[in-house]
PDB file of N, CA and C in Angstrom:
ATOM      1  N   UNK A   1     111.325  98.814  78.255  1.00  0.00           N
ATOM      2  CA  UNK A   1     111.288 100.039  77.470  1.00  0.00           C
ATOM      3  C   UNK A   1     110.556 101.109  78.287  1.00  0.00           C
ATOM      4  N   UNK A   2     111.031 102.330  78.220  1.00  0.00           N
ATOM      5  CA  UNK A   2     110.433 103.416  78.968  1.00  0.00           C
ATOM      6  C   UNK A   2     109.112 103.855  78.391  1.00  0.00           C
ATOM      7  N   UNK A   3     108.119 104.091  79.266  1.00  0.00           N
ATOM      8  CA  UNK A   3     106.848 104.495  78.784  1.00  0.00           C
ATOM      9  C   UNK A   3     106.656 105.998  78.916  1.00  0.00           C
ATOM     10  N   UNK A   4     105.701 106.534  78.135  1.00  0.00           N
ATOM     11  CA  UNK A   4     105.362 107.946  78.133  1.00  0.00           C
ATOM     12  C   UNK A   4     103.862 108.103  78.320  1.00  0.00           C
ATOM     13  N   UNK A   5     103.458 109.194  78.877  1.00  0.00           N
ATOM     14  CA  UNK A   5     102.044 109.514  79.006  1.00  0.00           C
ATOM     15  C   UNK A   5     101.735 110.512  77.897  1.00  0.00           C
ATOM     16  N   UNK A   6     100.617 110.311  77.190  1.00  0.00           N
ATOM     17  CA  UNK A   6     100.263 111.159  76.073  1.00  0.00           C
ATOM     18  C   UNK A   6      98.734 111.213  75.911  1.00  0.00           C
ATOM     19  N   UNK A   7      98.314 112.205  75.158  1.00  0.00           N
ATOM     20  CA  UNK A   7      96.926 112.339  74.788  1.00  0.00           C
ATOM     21  C   UNK A   7      96.871 112.290  73.230  1.00  0.00           C
ATOM     22  N   UNK A   8      95.980 111.447  72.698  1.00  0.00           N
ATOM     23  CA  UNK A   8      95.744 111.452  71.282  1.00  0.00           C
ATOM     24  C   UNK A   8      94.367 112.050  71.026  1.00  0.00           C
ATOM     25  N   UNK A   9      94.368 113.154  70.302  1.00  0.00           N
ATOM     26  CA  UNK A   9      93.098 113.824  69.919  1.00  0.00           C
ATOM     27  C   UNK A   9      92.682 113.299  68.571  1.00  0.00           C
ATOM     28  N   UNK A  10      91.444 112.868  68.448  1.00  0.00           N
ATOM     29  CA  UNK A  10      90.935 112.256  67.212  1.00  0.00           C
ATOM     30  C   UNK A  10      89.657 112.977  66.731  1.00  0.00           C
ATOM     31  N   UNK A  11      89.606 113.328  65.460  1.00  0.00           N
ATOM     32  CA  UNK A  11      88.397 113.858  64.833  1.00  0.00           C
ATOM     33  C   UNK A  11      87.913 112.825  63.843  1.00  0.00           C
ATOM     34  N   UNK A  12      86.679 112.397  63.959  1.00  0.00           N
ATOM     35  CA  UNK A  12      86.113 111.423  63.010  1.00  0.00           C
ATOM     36  C   UNK A  12      85.015 112.106  62.182  1.00  0.00           C
ATOM     37  N   UNK A  13      85.287 112.267  60.897  1.00  0.00           N
ATOM     38  CA  UNK A  13      84.318 112.848  59.998  1.00  0.00           C
ATOM     39  C   UNK A  13      83.610 111.805  59.099  1.00  0.00           C
ATOM     40  N   UNK A  14      84.218 110.600  59.006  1.00  0.00           N
ATOM     41  CA  UNK A  14      83.636 109.544  58.220  1.00  0.00           C
ATOM     42  C   UNK A  14      83.167 108.411  59.157  1.00  0.00           C
ATOM     43  N   UNK A  15      81.854 108.382  59.393  1.00  0.00           N
ATOM     44  CA  UNK A  15      81.291 107.404  60.343  1.00  0.00           C
ATOM     45  C   UNK A  15      81.532 105.955  59.884  1.00  0.00           C
ATOM     46  N   UNK A  16      81.815 105.711  58.605  1.00  0.00           N
ATOM     47  CA  UNK A  16      82.105 104.401  58.132  1.00  0.00           C
ATOM     48  C   UNK A  16      83.435 103.848  58.676  1.00  0.00           C
ATOM     49  N   UNK A  17      84.300 104.729  59.195  1.00  0.00           N
ATOM     50  CA  UNK A  17      85.580 104.327  59.776  1.00  0.00           C
ATOM     51  C   UNK A  17      85.503 103.997  61.260  1.00  0.00           C
ATOM     52  N   UNK A  18      84.362 104.180  61.901  1.00  0.00           N
ATOM     53  CA  UNK A  18      84.263 104.004  63.354  1.00  0.00           C
ATOM     54  C   UNK A  18      84.539 102.587  63.783  1.00  0.00           C
ATOM     55  N   UNK A  19      84.023 101.575  63.057  1.00  0.00           N
ATOM     56  CA  UNK A  19      84.239 100.195  63.444  1.00  0.00           C
ATOM     57  C   UNK A  19      85.732  99.830  63.413  1.00  0.00           C
ATOM     58  N   UNK A  20      86.420 100.284  62.367  1.00  0.00           N
ATOM     59  CA  UNK A  20      87.851 100.022  62.292  1.00  0.00           C
ATOM     60  C   UNK A  20      88.628 100.778  63.342  1.00  0.00           C
ATOM     61  N   UNK A  21      88.219 102.020  63.648  1.00  0.00           N
ATOM     62  CA  UNK A  21      88.819 102.760  64.718  1.00  0.00           C
ATOM     63  C   UNK A  21      88.672 102.055  66.062  1.00  0.00           C
ATOM     64  N   UNK A  22      87.473 101.588  66.385  1.00  0.00           N
ATOM     65  CA  UNK A  22      87.271 100.888  67.604  1.00  0.00           C
ATOM     66  C   UNK A  22      88.099  99.591  67.654  1.00  0.00           C
ATOM     67  N   UNK A  23      88.273  98.910  66.553  1.00  0.00           N
ATOM     68  CA  UNK A  23      89.091  97.706  66.488  1.00  0.00           C
ATOM     69  C   UNK A  23      90.557  98.021  66.817  1.00  0.00           C
ATOM     70  N   UNK A  24      91.055  99.153  66.271  1.00  0.00           N
ATOM     71  CA  UNK A  24      92.448  99.574  66.559  1.00  0.00           C
ATOM     72  C   UNK A  24      92.600  99.930  68.043  1.00  0.00           C
ATOM     73  N   UNK A  25      91.629 100.658  68.583  1.00  0.00           N
ATOM     74  CA  UNK A  25      91.676 101.008  69.998  1.00  0.00           C
ATOM     75  C   UNK A  25      91.630  99.799  70.914  1.00  0.00           C
ATOM     76  N   UNK A  26      90.844  98.789  70.494  1.00  0.00           N
ATOM     77  CA  UNK A  26      90.794  97.547  71.280  1.00  0.00           C
ATOM     78  C   UNK A  26      92.160  96.829  71.252  1.00  0.00           C
ATOM     79  N   UNK A  27      92.797  96.860  70.103  1.00  0.00           N
ATOM     80  CA  UNK A  27      94.126  96.253  69.931  1.00  0.00           C
ATOM     81  C   UNK A  27      95.150  96.859  70.917  1.00  0.00           C
ATOM     82  N   UNK A  28      95.021  98.145  71.206  1.00  0.00           N
ATOM     83  CA  UNK A  28      95.925  98.829  72.073  1.00  0.00           C
ATOM     84  C   UNK A  28      95.344  99.090  73.475  1.00  0.00           C
ATOM     85  N   UNK A  29      94.299  98.379  73.835  1.00  0.00           N
ATOM     86  CA  UNK A  29      93.558  98.655  75.086  1.00  0.00           C
ATOM     87  C   UNK A  29      94.420  98.528  76.339  1.00  0.00           C
ATOM     88  N   UNK A  30      95.486  97.717  76.314  1.00  0.00           N
ATOM     89  CA  UNK A  30      96.348  97.567  77.476  1.00  0.00           C
ATOM     90  C   UNK A  30      97.044  98.870  77.820  1.00  0.00           C
ATOM     91  N   UNK A  31      97.197  99.757  76.845  1.00  0.00           N
ATOM     92  CA  UNK A  31      97.921 101.015  77.048  1.00  0.00           C
ATOM     93  C   UNK A  31      97.001 102.203  77.307  1.00  0.00           C
ATOM     94  N   UNK A  32      95.696 102.012  77.121  1.00  0.00           N
ATOM     95  CA  UNK A  32      94.746 103.129  77.232  1.00  0.00           C
ATOM     96  C   UNK A  32      94.372 103.360  78.689  1.00  0.00           C
ATOM     97  N   UNK A  33      94.604 104.557  79.180  1.00  0.00           N
ATOM     98  CA  UNK A  33      94.225 104.960  80.569  1.00  0.00           C
ATOM     99  C   UNK A  33      92.747 105.325  80.594  1.00  0.00           C
ATOM    100  N   UNK A  34      92.311 106.083  79.604  1.00  0.00           N
ATOM    101  CA  UNK A  34      90.930 106.525  79.545  1.00  0.00           C
ATOM    102  C   UNK A  34      90.555 107.082  78.184  1.00  0.00           C
ATOM    103  N   UNK A  35      89.258 107.149  77.953  1.00  0.00           N
ATOM    104  CA  UNK A  35      88.760 107.601  76.644  1.00  0.00           C
ATOM    105  C   UNK A  35      87.539 108.468  76.869  1.00  0.00           C
ATOM    106  N   UNK A  36      87.440 109.581  76.120  1.00  0.00           N
ATOM    107  CA  UNK A  36      86.247 110.434  76.183  1.00  0.00           C
ATOM    108  C   UNK A  36      85.832 110.743  74.734  1.00  0.00           C
ATOM    109  N   UNK A  37      84.574 110.501  74.457  1.00  0.00           N
ATOM    110  CA  UNK A  37      84.056 110.765  73.126  1.00  0.00           C
ATOM    111  C   UNK A  37      82.920 111.760  73.167  1.00  0.00           C
ATOM    112  N   UNK A  38      82.919 112.687  72.236  1.00  0.00           N
ATOM    113  CA  UNK A  38      81.890 113.731  72.205  1.00  0.00           C
ATOM    114  C   UNK A  38      81.282 113.725  70.793  1.00  0.00           C
ATOM    115  N   UNK A  39      80.051 113.327  70.649  1.00  0.00           N
ATOM    116  CA  UNK A  39      79.404 113.429  69.312  1.00  0.00           C
ATOM    117  C   UNK A  39      78.982 114.909  69.070  1.00  0.00           C
ATOM    118  N   UNK A  40      79.361 115.431  67.964  1.00  0.00           N
ATOM    119  CA  UNK A  40      78.999 116.778  67.571  1.00  0.00           C
ATOM    120  C   UNK A  40      78.055 116.700  66.397  1.00  0.00           C
ATOM    121  N   UNK A  41      76.808 116.459  66.705  1.00  0.00           N
ATOM    122  CA  UNK A  41      75.797 116.121  65.699  1.00  0.00           C
ATOM    123  C   UNK A  41      75.567 117.245  64.693  1.00  0.00           C
ATOM    124  N   UNK A  42      75.635 118.514  65.166  1.00  0.00           N
ATOM    125  CA  UNK A  42      75.395 119.652  64.250  1.00  0.00           C
ATOM    126  C   UNK A  42      76.437 119.653  63.098  1.00  0.00           C
ATOM    127  N   UNK A  43      77.643 119.215  63.390  1.00  0.00           N
ATOM    128  CA  UNK A  43      78.711 119.221  62.372  1.00  0.00           C
ATOM    129  C   UNK A  43      78.934 117.818  61.766  1.00  0.00           C
ATOM    130  N   UNK A  44      78.139 116.824  62.255  1.00  0.00           N
ATOM    131  CA  UNK A  44      78.234 115.467  61.805  1.00  0.00           C
ATOM    132  C   UNK A  44      79.655 114.890  61.939  1.00  0.00           C
ATOM    133  N   UNK A  45      80.220 115.060  63.124  1.00  0.00           N
ATOM    134  CA  UNK A  45      81.535 114.510  63.434  1.00  0.00           C
ATOM    135  C   UNK A  45      81.605 114.108  64.881  1.00  0.00           C
ATOM    136  N   UNK A  46      82.640 113.323  65.232  1.00  0.00           N
ATOM    137  CA  UNK A  46      82.895 112.943  66.616  1.00  0.00           C
ATOM    138  C   UNK A  46      84.282 113.375  67.025  1.00  0.00           C
ATOM    139  N   UNK A  47      84.382 113.797  68.260  1.00  0.00           N
ATOM    140  CA  UNK A  47      85.647 114.242  68.842  1.00  0.00           C
ATOM    141  C   UNK A  47      85.993 113.261  69.912  1.00  0.00           C
ATOM    142  N   UNK A  48      87.196 112.660  69.860  1.00  0.00           N
ATOM    143  CA  UNK A  48      87.573 111.628  70.794  1.00  0.00           C
ATOM    144  C   UNK A  48      88.950 111.972  71.384  1.00  0.00           C
ATOM    145  N   UNK A  49      89.086 111.808  72.662  1.00  0.00           N
ATOM    146  CA  UNK A  49      90.341 112.011  73.377  1.00  0.00           C
ATOM    147  C   UNK A  49      90.756 110.706  74.061  1.00  0.00           C
ATOM    148  N   UNK A  50      91.984 110.246  73.758  1.00  0.00           N
ATOM    149  CA  UNK A  50      92.485 109.025  74.339  1.00  0.00           C
ATOM    150  C   UNK A  50      93.731 109.340  75.173  1.00  0.00           C
ATOM    151  N   UNK A  51      93.690 108.966  76.448  1.00  0.00           N
ATOM    152  CA  UNK A  51      94.886 109.108  77.299  1.00  0.00           C
ATOM    153  C   UNK A  51      95.603 107.768  77.311  1.00  0.00           C
ATOM    154  N   UNK A  52      96.904 107.762  77.030  1.00  0.00           N
ATOM    155  CA  UNK A  52      97.664 106.521  76.981  1.00  0.00           C
ATOM    156  C   UNK A  52      98.934 106.623  77.811  1.00  0.00           C
ATOM    157  N   UNK A  53      99.415 105.429  78.225  1.00  0.00           N
ATOM    158  CA  UNK A  53     100.716 105.288  78.919  1.00  0.00           C
ATOM    159  C   UNK A  53     101.381 104.111  78.255  1.00  0.00           C
ATOM    160  N   UNK A  54     102.362 104.374  77.397  1.00  0.00           N
ATOM    161  CA  UNK A  54     102.988 103.342  76.582  1.00  0.00           C
ATOM    162  C   UNK A  54     104.391 103.829  76.090  1.00  0.00           C
ATOM    163  N   UNK A  55     105.189 102.903  75.569  1.00  0.00           N
ATOM    164  CA  UNK A  55     106.411 103.342  74.934  1.00  0.00           C
ATOM    165  C   UNK A  55     106.086 104.304  73.752  1.00  0.00           C
ATOM    166  N   UNK A  56     107.032 105.233  73.544  1.00  0.00           N
ATOM    167  CA  UNK A  56     106.759 106.244  72.512  1.00  0.00           C
ATOM    168  C   UNK A  56     106.543 105.635  71.155  1.00  0.00           C
ATOM    169  N   UNK A  57     107.223 104.560  70.800  1.00  0.00           N
ATOM    170  CA  UNK A  57     107.042 103.902  69.531  1.00  0.00           C
ATOM    171  C   UNK A  57     105.618 103.341  69.406  1.00  0.00           C
ATOM    172  N   UNK A  58     105.082 102.813  70.504  1.00  0.00           N
ATOM    173  CA  UNK A  58     103.739 102.245  70.524  1.00  0.00           C
ATOM    174  C   UNK A  58     102.708 103.349  70.315  1.00  0.00           C
ATOM    175  N   UNK A  59     102.897 104.462  71.012  1.00  0.00           N
ATOM    176  CA  UNK A  59     101.967 105.591  70.873  1.00  0.00           C
ATOM    177  C   UNK A  59     101.998 106.124  69.395  1.00  0.00           C
ATOM    178  N   UNK A  60     103.183 106.213  68.848  1.00  0.00           N
ATOM    179  CA  UNK A  60     103.288 106.702  67.470  1.00  0.00           C
ATOM    180  C   UNK A  60     102.650 105.736  66.497  1.00  0.00           C
ATOM    181  N   UNK A  61     102.841 104.429  66.723  1.00  0.00           N
ATOM    182  CA  UNK A  61     102.184 103.414  65.867  1.00  0.00           C
ATOM    183  C   UNK A  61     100.665 103.513  65.963  1.00  0.00           C
ATOM    184  N   UNK A  62     100.148 103.657  67.165  1.00  0.00           N
ATOM    185  CA  UNK A  62      98.699 103.787  67.355  1.00  0.00           C
ATOM    186  C   UNK A  62      98.139 105.025  66.629  1.00  0.00           C
ATOM    187  N   UNK A  63      98.809 106.155  66.832  1.00  0.00           N
ATOM    188  CA  UNK A  63      98.364 107.390  66.199  1.00  0.00           C
ATOM    189  C   UNK A  63      98.459 107.287  64.669  1.00  0.00           C
ATOM    190  N   UNK A  64      99.504 106.634  64.200  1.00  0.00           N
ATOM    191  CA  UNK A  64      99.681 106.452  62.741  1.00  0.00           C
ATOM    192  C   UNK A  64      98.598 105.594  62.135  1.00  0.00           C
ATOM    193  N   UNK A  65      98.239 104.505  62.795  1.00  0.00           N
ATOM    194  CA  UNK A  65      97.165 103.640  62.307  1.00  0.00           C
ATOM    195  C   UNK A  65      95.827 104.398  62.292  1.00  0.00           C
ATOM    196  N   UNK A  66      95.578 105.160  63.321  1.00  0.00           N
ATOM    197  CA  UNK A  66      94.330 105.950  63.392  1.00  0.00           C
ATOM    198  C   UNK A  66      94.298 106.987  62.277  1.00  0.00           C
ATOM    199  N   UNK A  67      95.399 107.673  62.070  1.00  0.00           N
ATOM    200  CA  UNK A  67      95.474 108.734  61.069  1.00  0.00           C
ATOM    201  C   UNK A  67      95.343 108.208  59.620  1.00  0.00           C
ATOM    202  N   UNK A  68      95.595 106.952  59.389  1.00  0.00           N
ATOM    203  CA  UNK A  68      95.477 106.367  58.054  1.00  0.00           C
ATOM    204  C   UNK A  68      94.024 106.031  57.661  1.00  0.00           C
ATOM    205  N   UNK A  69      93.107 106.046  58.663  1.00  0.00           N
ATOM    206  CA  UNK A  69      91.736 105.712  58.393  1.00  0.00           C
ATOM    207  C   UNK A  69      91.089 106.858  57.570  1.00  0.00           C
ATOM    208  N   UNK A  70      90.182 106.473  56.674  1.00  0.00           N
ATOM    209  CA  UNK A  70      89.503 107.442  55.849  1.00  0.00           C
ATOM    210  C   UNK A  70      88.606 108.389  56.692  1.00  0.00           C
ATOM    211  N   UNK A  71      88.797 109.663  56.533  1.00  0.00           N
ATOM    212  CA  UNK A  71      87.945 110.637  57.220  1.00  0.00           C
ATOM    213  C   UNK A  71      88.246 110.768  58.704  1.00  0.00           C
ATOM    214  N   UNK A  72      89.448 110.315  59.125  1.00  0.00           N
ATOM    215  CA  UNK A  72      89.838 110.395  60.563  1.00  0.00           C
ATOM    216  C   UNK A  72      91.205 111.106  60.626  1.00  0.00           C
ATOM    217  N   UNK A  73      91.321 112.040  61.559  1.00  0.00           N
ATOM    218  CA  UNK A  73      92.624 112.679  61.808  1.00  0.00           C
ATOM    219  C   UNK A  73      92.961 112.534  63.255  1.00  0.00           C
ATOM    220  N   UNK A  74      94.294 112.483  63.540  1.00  0.00           N
ATOM    221  CA  UNK A  74      94.744 112.281  64.901  1.00  0.00           C
ATOM    222  C   UNK A  74      96.002 113.118  65.142  1.00  0.00           C
ATOM    223  N   UNK A  75      96.089 113.708  66.317  1.00  0.00           N
ATOM    224  CA  UNK A  75      97.306 114.430  66.734  1.00  0.00           C
ATOM    225  C   UNK A  75      97.637 114.003  68.145  1.00  0.00           C
ATOM    226  N   UNK A  76      98.933 113.924  68.441  1.00  0.00           N
ATOM    227  CA  UNK A  76      99.387 113.426  69.738  1.00  0.00           C
ATOM    228  C   UNK A  76     100.153 114.533  70.488  1.00  0.00           C
ATOM    229  N   UNK A  77      99.910 114.624  71.759  1.00  0.00           N
ATOM    230  CA  UNK A  77     100.653 115.519  72.664  1.00  0.00           C
ATOM    231  C   UNK A  77     101.285 114.675  73.764  1.00  0.00           C
ATOM    232  N   UNK A  78     102.604 114.725  73.881  1.00  0.00           N
ATOM    233  CA  UNK A  78     103.296 113.928  74.875  1.00  0.00           C
ATOM    234  C   UNK A  78     103.572 114.741  76.113  1.00  0.00           C
ATOM    235  N   UNK A  79     103.492 114.086  77.288  1.00  0.00           N
ATOM    236  CA  UNK A  79     103.900 114.745  78.524  1.00  0.00           C
ATOM    237  C   UNK A  79     105.399 114.559  78.681  1.00  0.00           C
ATOM    238  N   UNK A  80     105.965 115.269  79.639  1.00  0.00           N
ATOM    239  CA  UNK A  80     107.359 115.136  79.912  1.00  0.00           C
ATOM    240  C   UNK A  80     107.649 113.968  80.858  1.00  0.00           C
ATOM    241  N   UNK A  81     106.590 113.312  81.338  1.00  0.00           N
ATOM    242  CA  UNK A  81     106.724 112.205  82.294  1.00  0.00           C
ATOM    243  C   UNK A  81     107.125 110.944  81.615  1.00  0.00           C
ATOM    244  N   UNK A  82     108.211 110.378  82.052  1.00  0.00           N
ATOM    245  CA  UNK A  82     108.682 109.080  81.539  1.00  0.00           C
ATOM    246  C   UNK A  82     108.833 108.136  82.742  1.00  0.00           C
ATOM    247  N   UNK A  83     108.762 106.845  82.451  1.00  0.00           N
ATOM    248  CA  UNK A  83     108.940 105.941  83.562  1.00  0.00           C
ATOM    249  C   UNK A  83     108.720 104.516  83.254  1.00  0.00           C
TER     250      UNK A  83
END
């Protein structure tokens, strides 16, 4: 299956969802190129950026699972690079 490169932007407003988020990311760790997290303490939220290289269905499934978490939102941007 053809893979795509994408960025998943995640905003975490409910800190109680962090453990489940980390569990999901661990489940997809074979596809993750890199991860950057920024705690924004003044607003009591975390901003996370995940770079992935995976089939489009896998990326969509990952973003969907993340977006279903309470107090967590996720948006995906796909590159034009396939391979």
